[in-house]
Protein backbone atom coordinates (compact mmCIF):
# COMPACT_ATOMS: atom_id res chain seq x y z
CA MET A 1 -1.05 5.09 31.22
CA THR A 2 -2.17 1.53 30.56
CA ASP A 3 -0.92 -0.62 27.73
CA PHE A 4 -3.09 -0.69 24.63
CA ARG A 5 -3.02 -3.15 21.74
CA LEU A 6 -5.23 -3.01 18.68
CA LYS A 7 -5.49 -5.50 15.82
CA ALA A 8 -8.23 -5.04 13.26
CA GLN A 9 -9.09 -5.61 9.62
CA ILE A 10 -11.23 -3.53 7.30
CA VAL A 11 -12.55 -4.98 4.05
CA PHE A 12 -13.36 -2.37 1.42
CA ARG A 13 -16.04 -2.76 -1.29
CA ASP A 14 -13.39 -3.39 -3.95
CA GLY A 15 -12.19 -6.44 -1.97
CA SER A 16 -9.01 -4.77 -0.74
CA LEU A 17 -8.11 -5.30 2.90
CA LEU A 18 -6.48 -3.07 5.50
CA HIS A 19 -4.72 -4.80 8.40
CA ILE A 20 -4.29 -2.46 11.38
CA ARG A 21 -1.89 -2.98 14.28
CA GLN A 22 -1.19 -0.43 17.00
CA ILE A 23 0.66 -0.96 20.25
CA ILE A 24 1.09 1.59 23.04
CA LEU A 25 3.26 0.45 25.95
CA GLY A 26 3.46 2.97 28.75
CA GLU A 27 4.12 6.56 27.74
CA ALA A 28 7.15 6.13 25.50
CA VAL A 29 6.60 3.17 23.15
CA TYR A 30 4.22 3.48 20.24
CA LYS A 31 4.33 1.02 17.36
CA TYR A 32 2.03 0.85 14.38
CA ALA A 33 1.59 -0.81 11.02
CA PHE A 34 -1.20 -0.35 8.48
CA HIS A 35 -0.92 -2.96 5.71
CA TRP A 36 -3.22 -2.43 2.72
CA GLN A 37 -3.47 -5.19 0.12
CA ASP A 38 -5.66 -5.83 -2.90
CA ALA A 39 -8.23 -8.64 -3.15
CA THR A 40 -5.52 -11.07 -4.32
CA GLY A 41 -3.23 -10.35 -1.34
CA GLN A 42 -0.78 -8.14 -3.27
CA LEU A 43 0.68 -5.27 -1.24
CA LEU A 44 -0.66 -1.85 -2.20
CA CYS A 45 0.86 0.19 0.62
CA ARG A 46 2.17 -0.25 4.17
CA TRP A 47 2.62 2.57 6.67
CA GLU A 48 4.76 1.70 9.71
CA ASN A 49 7.39 2.74 12.20
CA ALA A 50 9.50 -0.42 12.35
CA PRO A 51 13.12 0.81 12.65
CA HIS A 52 14.51 -1.06 9.63
CA TRP A 53 15.03 1.89 7.19
CA PRO A 54 17.48 4.17 9.08
CA GLU A 55 18.39 6.14 5.93
CA THR A 56 14.81 7.43 5.63
CA VAL A 57 14.62 11.11 6.65
CA THR A 58 11.51 10.45 8.74
CA HIS A 59 13.02 7.32 10.41
CA PRO A 60 11.50 5.23 11.86
CA HIS A 61 8.28 6.36 10.13
CA HIS A 62 8.12 5.21 6.51
CA LYS A 63 5.80 3.91 3.83
CA HIS A 64 6.17 0.92 1.49
CA VAL A 65 4.44 1.49 -1.85
CA MET A 66 3.98 -1.13 -4.54
CA ARG A 67 4.37 0.27 -8.05
CA GLU A 68 4.03 -2.24 -10.87
CA GLN A 69 6.41 -5.07 -9.83
CA TYR A 70 8.61 -3.00 -7.48
CA GLU A 71 8.26 -2.01 -3.85
CA THR A 72 9.63 1.39 -2.88
CA VAL A 73 10.13 2.92 0.55
CA THR A 74 9.33 6.59 1.06
CA GLU A 75 9.19 9.13 3.84
CA LEU A 76 6.14 9.24 6.05
CA ARG A 77 5.11 12.29 8.04
CA GLY A 78 2.54 11.01 10.49
CA GLY A 79 1.27 7.47 10.65
CA ASP A 80 -2.13 7.82 12.20
CA PHE A 81 -5.55 6.61 11.05
CA GLU A 82 -6.39 9.92 9.42
CA VAL A 83 -3.31 9.92 7.16
CA VAL A 84 -3.87 6.30 6.15
CA PHE A 85 -7.60 6.59 5.46
CA GLU A 86 -7.24 9.81 3.49
CA GLU A 87 -4.75 8.12 1.18
CA ILE A 88 -6.89 5.00 0.76
CA ILE A 89 -10.02 7.04 0.05
CA ARG A 90 -8.15 9.02 -2.62
CA SER A 91 -6.93 5.75 -4.17
CA LEU A 92 -10.09 3.60 -4.07
CA PRO A 93 -11.70 4.95 -7.27
CA GLN A 94 -8.52 4.02 -9.14
CA LEU A 95 -8.72 0.36 -8.13
CA GLY A 96 -11.28 -0.56 -10.74
CA LYS A 97 -14.41 -2.66 -10.61
CA LYS A 98 -16.16 -2.92 -7.27
CA ALA A 99 -16.41 -6.40 -5.84
CA PRO A 100 -19.44 -7.47 -3.79
CA LEU A 101 -18.96 -7.33 -0.04
CA PRO A 102 -17.85 -10.71 1.33
CA ASP A 103 -20.24 -12.64 3.56
CA ARG A 104 -18.49 -12.57 6.98
CA ARG A 105 -21.07 -14.63 8.90
């Protein structure tokens, strides 16, 4: 198996931004982080498998969720594109007024 690295960004119509990072090294190492922030740069949610929350039942997989002024860490069962996009799609209508798409020329 060859090494694979992916870095991408998706801008949603409401101005929120999803940063995507996936790394596959050989057959055993798989790292990922999906960082979703609002149009002002405030964290909305981050899904990742960085090993810094060992007390999480699903360690190293976990999710950071911003609620009001506080960030909480919760369990994460599966950290693939499908899980992330399903959650974002469910949340987008709650984010309020739609911003125009940015001109990325």
